[in-house]
Amino acid sequence: MRSPAHAVRIVLVKIGEPLARGGQVTYEFLALFGDFLRSIPAALMTPGVIVERFFSLIVSAWLLVAITSFATGAALALQFGQGMSRFGGKLYVPNIVAFAIVRALGPVFACLMVAARSGGGVAAELGSMKVTQQIDALKALGANPTEKLVAPIVIALALGMPVLTFIADVAGITGGLLAATGSLGIAPTLYLQKTVESIHTMELVISLAKTSIFGATIGLIACFIGMRTTTGTSGIGVATTSAIVAANIFVLIADLLVTKVLWMLQW
């Protein structure tokens, strides 16, 4: 018969092991973040690499972001138009669509698409380099992997996410415009007028600024998980999936916290 002390010890081990692993992962991530900050000046000295990453991670994703946001804006206009027509509030559809797209849905969908497409690709790329010991070779040559690999990716995502967010906002509003004019009978000029009235400059600036931070964090998460790949091809698949899931969860939780703070500040 096991003693109560033994049972308590088992419980503490089961609780302590995940906490210890979580603490170790957090420490390693913060160490990567600190190394990235130190590598920024050197990375900026090679703008060609950053531009290359910008095209591969941002420019190649604009169509996916635009289609997703366009469909979301059109669906919002149709759903709210159908519901508000019962109460004579159809003319408020442009205001609702513009507010929802600019404040929340445009930035969130842009970040989610980039996290799924570019974040997963970065994790797979770095995971493959880790498994084939290319990262170890860089270290052996005296190069800093964070400076050569991580910093250009993170900088490109930080600079590019506001661009994609603006594209998402325009595409979402355009989708709402076409749906409202085609199905709800709202004049295009009236729709655009109400849209402009609904969007404040500060709201747009905050929307774009927060996605820059989100983009940098997506890059750090993807690089961190990719560089921790330890096994073969199966490990690369696990790293890719983990990077996508972790980045998506971060985007949703971070956007919730930002929205709560802005609500408390009455912005």
C-alpha atoms as a PDB file:
ATOM      1  CA  MET A   1       0.000   0.000   0.000  1.00  0.00           C
ATOM      2  CA  ARG A   2       1.348   3.344  -1.054  1.00  0.00           C
ATOM      3  CA  SER A   3       1.802   6.004   1.578  1.00  0.00           C
ATOM      4  CA  PRO A   4       0.104   9.431   1.355  1.00  0.00           C
ATOM      5  CA  ALA A   5       3.530  11.016   0.928  1.00  0.00           C
ATOM      6  CA  HIS A   6       4.150   8.891  -2.168  1.00  0.00           C
ATOM      7  CA  ALA A   7       0.803   9.939  -3.657  1.00  0.00           C
ATOM      8  CA  VAL A   8       1.563  13.596  -2.999  1.00  0.00           C
ATOM      9  CA  ARG A   9       4.967  13.161  -4.630  1.00  0.00           C
ATOM     10  CA  ILE A  10       3.371  11.683  -7.759  1.00  0.00           C
ATOM     11  CA  VAL A  11       0.894  14.578  -7.964  1.00  0.00           C
ATOM     12  CA  LEU A  12       3.672  17.144  -7.574  1.00  0.00           C
ATOM     13  CA  VAL A  13       5.726  15.466 -10.303  1.00  0.00           C
ATOM     14  CA  LYS A  14       2.774  15.410 -12.709  1.00  0.00           C
ATOM     15  CA  ILE A  15       2.112  19.098 -12.032  1.00  0.00           C
ATOM     16  CA  GLY A  16       5.741  20.173 -11.889  1.00  0.00           C
ATOM     17  CA  GLU A  17       6.975  18.579 -15.114  1.00  0.00           C
ATOM     18  CA  PRO A  18       4.661  20.555 -17.434  1.00  0.00           C
ATOM     19  CA  LEU A  19       5.400  23.744 -15.499  1.00  0.00           C
ATOM     20  CA  ALA A  20       9.139  23.132 -15.767  1.00  0.00           C
ATOM     21  CA  ARG A  21       8.867  22.451 -19.503  1.00  0.00           C
ATOM     22  CA  GLY A  22       6.756  25.571 -19.934  1.00  0.00           C
ATOM     23  CA  GLY A  23       9.294  27.642 -18.037  1.00  0.00           C
ATOM     24  CA  GLN A  24      12.142  26.243 -20.132  1.00  0.00           C
ATOM     25  CA  VAL A  25      10.300  26.977 -23.402  1.00  0.00           C
ATOM     26  CA  THR A  26       9.473  30.511 -22.225  1.00  0.00           C
ATOM     27  CA  TYR A  27      13.107  31.131 -21.287  1.00  0.00           C
ATOM     28  CA  GLU A  28      14.333  29.887 -24.677  1.00  0.00           C
ATOM     29  CA  PHE A  29      11.779  32.016 -26.525  1.00  0.00           C
ATOM     30  CA  LEU A  30      12.771  35.131 -24.576  1.00  0.00           C
ATOM     31  CA  ALA A  31      16.414  34.331 -25.278  1.00  0.00           C
ATOM     32  CA  LEU A  32      15.615  34.184 -29.009  1.00  0.00           C
ATOM     33  CA  PHE A  33      13.744  37.479 -28.730  1.00  0.00           C
ATOM     34  CA  GLY A  34      16.725  39.129 -27.031  1.00  0.00           C
ATOM     35  CA  ASP A  35      19.100  37.722 -29.641  1.00  0.00           C
ATOM     36  CA  PHE A  36      16.788  39.067 -32.360  1.00  0.00           C
ATOM     37  CA  LEU A  37      16.843  42.562 -30.862  1.00  0.00           C
ATOM     38  CA  ARG A  38      20.632  42.505 -30.821  1.00  0.00           C
ATOM     39  CA  SER A  39      20.687  41.289 -34.430  1.00  0.00           C
ATOM     40  CA  ILE A  40      18.452  44.037 -35.850  1.00  0.00           C
ATOM     41  CA  PRO A  41      21.266  46.533 -36.708  1.00  0.00           C
ATOM     42  CA  ALA A  42      23.299  43.868 -38.510  1.00  0.00           C
ATOM     43  CA  ALA A  43      20.232  42.544 -40.336  1.00  0.00           C
ATOM     44  CA  LEU A  44      19.359  46.027 -41.564  1.00  0.00           C
ATOM     45  CA  MET A  45      22.763  46.207 -43.211  1.00  0.00           C
ATOM     46  CA  THR A  46      21.604  43.514 -45.670  1.00  0.00           C
ATOM     47  CA  PRO A  47      18.318  44.962 -46.996  1.00  0.00           C
ATOM     48  CA  GLY A  48      18.352  42.624 -49.991  1.00  0.00           C
ATOM     49  CA  VAL A  49      17.644  39.637 -47.749  1.00  0.00           C
ATOM     50  CA  ILE A  50      14.781  41.479 -46.053  1.00  0.00           C
ATOM     51  CA  VAL A  51      13.300  42.447 -49.429  1.00  0.00           C
ATOM     52  CA  GLU A  52      13.537  38.833 -50.569  1.00  0.00           C
ATOM     53  CA  ARG A  53      11.706  37.693 -47.457  1.00  0.00           C
ATOM     54  CA  PHE A  54       9.154  40.468 -47.917  1.00  0.00           C
ATOM     55  CA  PHE A  55       8.274  39.150 -51.361  1.00  0.00           C
ATOM     56  CA  SER A  56       8.179  35.503 -50.295  1.00  0.00           C
ATOM     57  CA  LEU A  57       6.170  36.047 -47.111  1.00  0.00           C
ATOM     58  CA  ILE A  58       4.047  39.146 -47.785  1.00  0.00           C
ATOM     59  CA  VAL A  59       3.630  39.843 -51.479  1.00  0.00           C
ATOM     60  CA  SER A  60       2.857  36.217 -52.279  1.00  0.00           C
ATOM     61  CA  ALA A  61       0.091  36.201 -49.644  1.00  0.00           C
ATOM     62  CA  TRP A  62      -1.841  39.322 -50.685  1.00  0.00           C
ATOM     63  CA  LEU A  63      -4.307  37.483 -52.947  1.00  0.00           C
ATOM     64  CA  LEU A  64      -5.202  34.982 -50.228  1.00  0.00           C
ATOM     65  CA  VAL A  65      -5.762  37.808 -47.745  1.00  0.00           C
ATOM     66  CA  ALA A  66      -7.804  39.833 -50.246  1.00  0.00           C
ATOM     67  CA  ILE A  67     -10.099  36.931 -51.171  1.00  0.00           C
ATOM     68  CA  THR A  68     -10.691  36.013 -47.526  1.00  0.00           C
ATOM     69  CA  SER A  69     -11.484  39.579 -46.496  1.00  0.00           C
ATOM     70  CA  PHE A  70     -13.611  40.218 -49.604  1.00  0.00           C
ATOM     71  CA  ALA A  71     -15.783  37.194 -48.857  1.00  0.00           C
ATOM     72  CA  THR A  72     -16.045  38.179 -45.192  1.00  0.00           C
ATOM     73  CA  GLY A  73     -17.146  41.730 -46.015  1.00  0.00           C
ATOM     74  CA  ALA A  74     -19.745  40.491 -48.497  1.00  0.00           C
ATOM     75  CA  ALA A  75     -21.085  37.946 -46.011  1.00  0.00           C
ATOM     76  CA  LEU A  76     -21.288  40.598 -43.278  1.00  0.00           C
ATOM     77  CA  ALA A  77     -23.258  42.942 -45.533  1.00  0.00           C
ATOM     78  CA  LEU A  78     -25.716  40.226 -46.536  1.00  0.00           C
ATOM     79  CA  GLN A  79     -26.196  38.896 -43.006  1.00  0.00           C
ATOM     80  CA  PHE A  80     -26.651  42.282 -41.355  1.00  0.00           C
ATOM     81  CA  GLY A  81     -28.698  43.562 -44.287  1.00  0.00           C
ATOM     82  CA  GLN A  82     -31.116  40.675 -44.020  1.00  0.00           C
ATOM     83  CA  GLY A  83     -31.459  41.053 -40.267  1.00  0.00           C
ATOM     84  CA  MET A  84     -31.661  44.831 -40.081  1.00  0.00           C
ATOM     85  CA  SER A  85     -34.114  45.129 -42.973  1.00  0.00           C
ATOM     86  CA  ARG A  86     -36.763  43.800 -40.596  1.00  0.00           C
ATOM     87  CA  PHE A  87     -36.299  46.851 -38.390  1.00  0.00           C
ATOM     88  CA  GLY A  88     -35.737  49.464 -41.076  1.00  0.00           C
ATOM     89  CA  GLY A  89     -32.035  49.714 -40.349  1.00  0.00           C
ATOM     90  CA  LYS A  90     -30.664  48.616 -43.705  1.00  0.00           C
ATOM     91  CA  LEU A  91     -28.863  51.931 -44.221  1.00  0.00           C
ATOM     92  CA  TYR A  92     -26.644  51.206 -41.207  1.00  0.00           C
ATOM     93  CA  VAL A  93     -25.058  48.206 -42.945  1.00  0.00           C
ATOM     94  CA  PRO A  94     -22.143  50.246 -44.426  1.00  0.00           C
ATOM     95  CA  ASN A  95     -21.286  51.612 -40.982  1.00  0.00           C
ATOM     96  CA  ILE A  96     -21.330  48.164 -39.383  1.00  0.00           C
ATOM     97  CA  VAL A  97     -19.272  46.520 -42.116  1.00  0.00           C
ATOM     98  CA  ALA A  98     -16.648  49.274 -42.140  1.00  0.00           C
ATOM     99  CA  PHE A  99     -16.390  49.308 -38.347  1.00  0.00           C
ATOM    100  CA  ALA A 100     -16.097  45.524 -38.078  1.00  0.00           C
ATOM    101  CA  ILE A 101     -13.597  45.156 -40.919  1.00  0.00           C
ATOM    102  CA  VAL A 102     -11.273  47.985 -39.889  1.00  0.00           C
ATOM    103  CA  ARG A 103     -11.383  47.431 -36.130  1.00  0.00           C
ATOM    104  CA  ALA A 104     -11.230  43.634 -35.953  1.00  0.00           C
ATOM    105  CA  LEU A 105     -11.883  41.344 -38.877  1.00  0.00           C
ATOM    106  CA  GLY A 106      -9.458  42.843 -41.397  1.00  0.00           C
ATOM    107  CA  PRO A 107      -6.405  42.730 -39.100  1.00  0.00           C
ATOM    108  CA  VAL A 108      -7.329  39.365 -37.606  1.00  0.00           C
ATOM    109  CA  PHE A 109      -7.989  37.593 -40.893  1.00  0.00           C
ATOM    110  CA  ALA A 110      -4.829  39.054 -42.442  1.00  0.00           C
ATOM    111  CA  CYS A 111      -2.731  37.789 -39.523  1.00  0.00           C
ATOM    112  CA  LEU A 112      -4.430  34.381 -39.478  1.00  0.00           C
ATOM    113  CA  MET A 113      -3.824  33.867 -43.187  1.00  0.00           C
ATOM    114  CA  VAL A 114      -0.182  34.895 -42.883  1.00  0.00           C
ATOM    115  CA  ALA A 115       0.278  32.708 -39.799  1.00  0.00           C
ATOM    116  CA  ALA A 116      -1.148  29.724 -41.669  1.00  0.00           C
ATOM    117  CA  ARG A 117       0.650  30.299 -44.958  1.00  0.00           C
ATOM    118  CA  SER A 118       3.898  32.096 -44.219  1.00  0.00           C
ATOM    119  CA  GLY A 119       4.327  31.034 -40.599  1.00  0.00           C
ATOM    120  CA  GLY A 120       3.946  27.374 -41.466  1.00  0.00           C
ATOM    121  CA  GLY A 121       6.343  27.754 -44.381  1.00  0.00           C
ATOM    122  CA  VAL A 122       8.981  29.414 -42.188  1.00  0.00           C
ATOM    123  CA  ALA A 123       8.698  26.669 -39.562  1.00  0.00           C
ATOM    124  CA  ALA A 124       9.047  23.980 -42.243  1.00  0.00           C
ATOM    125  CA  GLU A 125      12.023  25.728 -43.849  1.00  0.00           C
ATOM    126  CA  LEU A 126      13.949  26.252 -40.612  1.00  0.00           C
ATOM    127  CA  GLY A 127      12.935  22.816 -39.361  1.00  0.00           C
ATOM    128  CA  SER A 128      14.405  21.267 -42.508  1.00  0.00           C
ATOM    129  CA  MET A 129      17.586  23.298 -42.039  1.00  0.00           C
ATOM    130  CA  LYS A 130      17.788  22.148 -38.436  1.00  0.00           C
ATOM    131  CA  VAL A 131      17.310  18.478 -39.290  1.00  0.00           C
ATOM    132  CA  THR A 132      19.890  18.607 -42.099  1.00  0.00           C
ATOM    133  CA  GLN A 133      22.335  20.408 -39.759  1.00  0.00           C
ATOM    134  CA  GLN A 134      22.547  23.520 -41.936  1.00  0.00           C
ATOM    135  CA  ILE A 135      21.986  25.703 -38.876  1.00  0.00           C
ATOM    136  CA  ASP A 136      24.811  23.913 -37.086  1.00  0.00           C
ATOM    137  CA  ALA A 137      26.993  24.560 -40.129  1.00  0.00           C
ATOM    138  CA  LEU A 138      26.252  28.286 -39.885  1.00  0.00           C
ATOM    139  CA  LYS A 139      27.331  28.251 -36.254  1.00  0.00           C
ATOM    140  CA  ALA A 140      30.500  26.354 -37.164  1.00  0.00           C
ATOM    141  CA  LEU A 141      31.346  29.050 -39.704  1.00  0.00           C
ATOM    142  CA  GLY A 142      30.983  31.698 -37.003  1.00  0.00           C
ATOM    143  CA  ALA A 143      27.692  33.114 -38.290  1.00  0.00           C
ATOM    144  CA  ASN A 144      24.764  33.943 -36.039  1.00  0.00           C
ATOM    145  CA  PRO A 145      21.641  32.011 -37.207  1.00  0.00           C
ATOM    146  CA  THR A 146      19.386  34.594 -35.620  1.00  0.00           C
ATOM    147  CA  GLU A 147      21.030  37.382 -37.607  1.00  0.00           C
ATOM    148  CA  LYS A 148      21.103  35.457 -40.889  1.00  0.00           C
ATOM    149  CA  LEU A 149      17.760  33.640 -40.703  1.00  0.00           C
ATOM    150  CA  VAL A 150      15.433  34.919 -37.989  1.00  0.00           C
ATOM    151  CA  ALA A 151      15.923  38.700 -38.133  1.00  0.00           C
ATOM    152  CA  PRO A 152      15.115  39.152 -41.868  1.00  0.00           C
ATOM    153  CA  ILE A 153      11.956  37.065 -41.492  1.00  0.00           C
ATOM    154  CA  VAL A 154      10.705  38.946 -38.436  1.00  0.00           C
ATOM    155  CA  ILE A 155      11.520  42.375 -39.878  1.00  0.00           C
ATOM    156  CA  ALA A 156       9.819  41.535 -43.187  1.00  0.00           C
ATOM    157  CA  LEU A 157       6.665  40.385 -41.397  1.00  0.00           C
ATOM    158  CA  ALA A 158       6.645  43.430 -39.114  1.00  0.00           C
ATOM    159  CA  LEU A 159       6.923  45.774 -42.098  1.00  0.00           C
ATOM    160  CA  GLY A 160       4.583  43.840 -44.336  1.00  0.00           C
ATOM    161  CA  MET A 161       1.621  43.069 -42.100  1.00  0.00           C
ATOM    162  CA  PRO A 162       0.278  46.664 -42.117  1.00  0.00           C
ATOM    163  CA  VAL A 163       0.335  46.520 -45.927  1.00  0.00           C
ATOM    164  CA  LEU A 164      -1.632  43.274 -45.958  1.00  0.00           C
ATOM    165  CA  THR A 165      -4.012  44.648 -43.352  1.00  0.00           C
ATOM    166  CA  PHE A 166      -4.739  47.681 -45.506  1.00  0.00           C
ATOM    167  CA  ILE A 167      -5.390  45.360 -48.452  1.00  0.00           C
ATOM    168  CA  ALA A 168      -7.710  43.296 -46.241  1.00  0.00           C
ATOM    169  CA  ASP A 169      -9.595  46.419 -45.151  1.00  0.00           C
ATOM    170  CA  VAL A 170     -10.059  47.623 -48.730  1.00  0.00           C
ATOM    171  CA  ALA A 171     -11.083  44.165 -49.943  1.00  0.00           C
ATOM    172  CA  GLY A 172     -13.554  43.686 -47.081  1.00  0.00           C
ATOM    173  CA  ILE A 173     -15.191  47.062 -47.645  1.00  0.00           C
ATOM    174  CA  THR A 174     -15.319  46.370 -51.393  1.00  0.00           C
ATOM    175  CA  GLY A 175     -17.014  43.033 -50.771  1.00  0.00           C
ATOM    176  CA  GLY A 176     -19.559  44.719 -48.546  1.00  0.00           C
ATOM    177  CA  LEU A 177     -20.101  47.418 -51.167  1.00  0.00           C
ATOM    178  CA  LEU A 178     -20.804  44.953 -53.966  1.00  0.00           C
ATOM    179  CA  ALA A 179     -23.085  42.841 -51.783  1.00  0.00           C
ATOM    180  CA  ALA A 180     -24.991  45.853 -50.482  1.00  0.00           C
ATOM    181  CA  THR A 181     -25.479  47.461 -53.883  1.00  0.00           C
ATOM    182  CA  GLY A 182     -26.337  44.220 -55.621  1.00  0.00           C
ATOM    183  CA  SER A 183     -28.623  42.610 -53.044  1.00  0.00           C
ATOM    184  CA  LEU A 184     -29.743  45.334 -50.643  1.00  0.00           C
ATOM    185  CA  GLY A 185     -30.332  48.172 -53.105  1.00  0.00           C
ATOM    186  CA  ILE A 186     -28.008  50.647 -51.368  1.00  0.00           C
ATOM    187  CA  ALA A 187     -26.548  53.244 -53.723  1.00  0.00           C
ATOM    188  CA  PRO A 188     -22.732  52.979 -54.108  1.00  0.00           C
ATOM    189  CA  THR A 189     -22.217  56.675 -53.380  1.00  0.00           C
ATOM    190  CA  LEU A 190     -24.265  56.415 -50.182  1.00  0.00           C
ATOM    191  CA  TYR A 191     -22.393  53.287 -49.130  1.00  0.00           C
ATOM    192  CA  LEU A 192     -19.001  54.950 -49.630  1.00  0.00           C
ATOM    193  CA  GLN A 193     -20.147  58.104 -47.848  1.00  0.00           C
ATOM    194  CA  LYS A 194     -21.267  56.169 -44.775  1.00  0.00           C
ATOM    195  CA  THR A 195     -18.104  54.073 -44.849  1.00  0.00           C
ATOM    196  CA  VAL A 196     -15.882  57.159 -44.798  1.00  0.00           C
ATOM    197  CA  GLU A 197     -17.950  58.615 -41.951  1.00  0.00           C
ATOM    198  CA  SER A 198     -17.494  55.413 -39.919  1.00  0.00           C
ATOM    199  CA  ILE A 199     -13.696  55.151 -40.167  1.00  0.00           C
ATOM    200  CA  HIS A 200     -11.629  57.431 -37.954  1.00  0.00           C
ATOM    201  CA  THR A 201      -7.947  58.038 -38.612  1.00  0.00           C
ATOM    202  CA  MET A 202      -6.863  56.840 -35.168  1.00  0.00           C
ATOM    203  CA  GLU A 203      -8.789  53.599 -35.550  1.00  0.00           C
ATOM    204  CA  LEU A 204      -7.036  52.901 -38.849  1.00  0.00           C
ATOM    205  CA  VAL A 205      -3.612  53.741 -37.377  1.00  0.00           C
ATOM    206  CA  ILE A 206      -4.167  51.444 -34.391  1.00  0.00           C
ATOM    207  CA  SER A 207      -5.430  48.695 -36.676  1.00  0.00           C
ATOM    208  CA  LEU A 208      -2.296  48.862 -38.815  1.00  0.00           C
ATOM    209  CA  ALA A 209       0.132  49.318 -35.916  1.00  0.00           C
ATOM    210  CA  LYS A 210      -1.054  46.311 -33.934  1.00  0.00           C
ATOM    211  CA  THR A 211      -0.660  44.012 -36.933  1.00  0.00           C
ATOM    212  CA  SER A 212       2.980  45.046 -37.203  1.00  0.00           C
ATOM    213  CA  ILE A 213       3.527  43.704 -33.688  1.00  0.00           C
ATOM    214  CA  PHE A 214       1.435  40.639 -34.465  1.00  0.00           C
ATOM    215  CA  GLY A 215       3.462  39.988 -37.614  1.00  0.00           C
ATOM    216  CA  ALA A 216       6.779  40.201 -35.769  1.00  0.00           C
ATOM    217  CA  THR A 217       5.519  37.795 -33.111  1.00  0.00           C
ATOM    218  CA  ILE A 218       4.224  35.370 -35.745  1.00  0.00           C
ATOM    219  CA  GLY A 219       7.697  35.369 -37.262  1.00  0.00           C
ATOM    220  CA  LEU A 220       9.374  34.795 -33.903  1.00  0.00           C
ATOM    221  CA  ILE A 221       7.005  31.929 -33.028  1.00  0.00           C
ATOM    222  CA  ALA A 222       7.498  30.243 -36.408  1.00  0.00           C
ATOM    223  CA  CYS A 223      11.294  30.605 -36.257  1.00  0.00           C
ATOM    224  CA  PHE A 224      11.442  29.436 -32.656  1.00  0.00           C
ATOM    225  CA  ILE A 225       9.417  26.282 -33.291  1.00  0.00           C
ATOM    226  CA  GLY A 226      11.220  25.554 -36.556  1.00  0.00           C
ATOM    227  CA  MET A 227      14.661  25.845 -34.970  1.00  0.00           C
ATOM    228  CA  ARG A 228      13.632  23.462 -32.166  1.00  0.00           C
ATOM    229  CA  THR A 229      12.846  20.608 -34.572  1.00  0.00           C
ATOM    230  CA  THR A 230      14.729  17.547 -33.370  1.00  0.00           C
ATOM    231  CA  THR A 231      13.626  14.581 -35.504  1.00  0.00           C
ATOM    232  CA  GLY A 232      13.292  13.803 -39.213  1.00  0.00           C
ATOM    233  CA  THR A 233      10.493  14.510 -41.663  1.00  0.00           C
ATOM    234  CA  SER A 234       7.815  13.717 -39.094  1.00  0.00           C
ATOM    235  CA  GLY A 235       9.321  16.349 -36.808  1.00  0.00           C
ATOM    236  CA  ILE A 236       9.141  18.926 -39.587  1.00  0.00           C
ATOM    237  CA  GLY A 237       5.432  18.196 -40.002  1.00  0.00           C
ATOM    238  CA  VAL A 238       4.867  18.514 -36.267  1.00  0.00           C
ATOM    239  CA  ALA A 239       6.815  21.777 -36.170  1.00  0.00           C
ATOM    240  CA  THR A 240       4.791  23.208 -39.064  1.00  0.00           C
ATOM    241  CA  THR A 241       1.484  22.312 -37.449  1.00  0.00           C
ATOM    242  CA  SER A 242       2.613  23.573 -34.049  1.00  0.00           C
ATOM    243  CA  ALA A 243       3.766  26.892 -35.515  1.00  0.00           C
ATOM    244  CA  ILE A 244       0.435  27.470 -37.271  1.00  0.00           C
ATOM    245  CA  VAL A 245      -1.613  26.584 -34.185  1.00  0.00           C
ATOM    246  CA  ALA A 246       0.551  28.619 -31.790  1.00  0.00           C
ATOM    247  CA  ALA A 247       0.593  31.682 -34.056  1.00  0.00           C
ATOM    248  CA  ASN A 248      -3.171  31.558 -34.623  1.00  0.00           C
ATOM    249  CA  ILE A 249      -3.888  31.250 -30.903  1.00  0.00           C
ATOM    250  CA  PHE A 250      -1.541  34.148 -30.186  1.00  0.00           C
ATOM    251  CA  VAL A 251      -3.236  36.377 -32.783  1.00  0.00           C
ATOM    252  CA  LEU A 252      -6.714  35.714 -31.401  1.00  0.00           C
ATOM    253  CA  ILE A 253      -5.752  36.186 -27.744  1.00  0.00           C
ATOM    254  CA  ALA A 254      -3.597  39.249 -28.462  1.00  0.00           C
ATOM    255  CA  ASP A 255      -6.387  40.864 -30.479  1.00  0.00           C
ATOM    256  CA  LEU A 256      -8.805  40.206 -27.611  1.00  0.00           C
ATOM    257  CA  LEU A 257      -6.443  41.880 -25.142  1.00  0.00           C
ATOM    258  CA  VAL A 258      -5.870  44.870 -27.445  1.00  0.00           C
ATOM    259  CA  THR A 259      -9.629  45.230 -27.971  1.00  0.00           C
ATOM    260  CA  LYS A 260     -10.205  45.121 -24.218  1.00  0.00           C
ATOM    261  CA  VAL A 261      -7.563  47.776 -23.580  1.00  0.00           C
ATOM    262  CA  LEU A 262      -8.979  50.039 -26.277  1.00  0.00           C
ATOM    263  CA  TRP A 263     -12.467  49.541 -24.863  1.00  0.00           C
ATOM    264  CA  MET A 264     -11.231  50.537 -21.390  1.00  0.00           C
ATOM    265  CA  LEU A 265      -9.597  53.630 -22.928  1.00  0.00           C
ATOM    266  CA  GLN A 266     -12.845  54.309 -24.833  1.00  0.00           C
ATOM    267  CA  TRP A 267     -11.104  54.408 -28.225  1.00  0.00           C
END
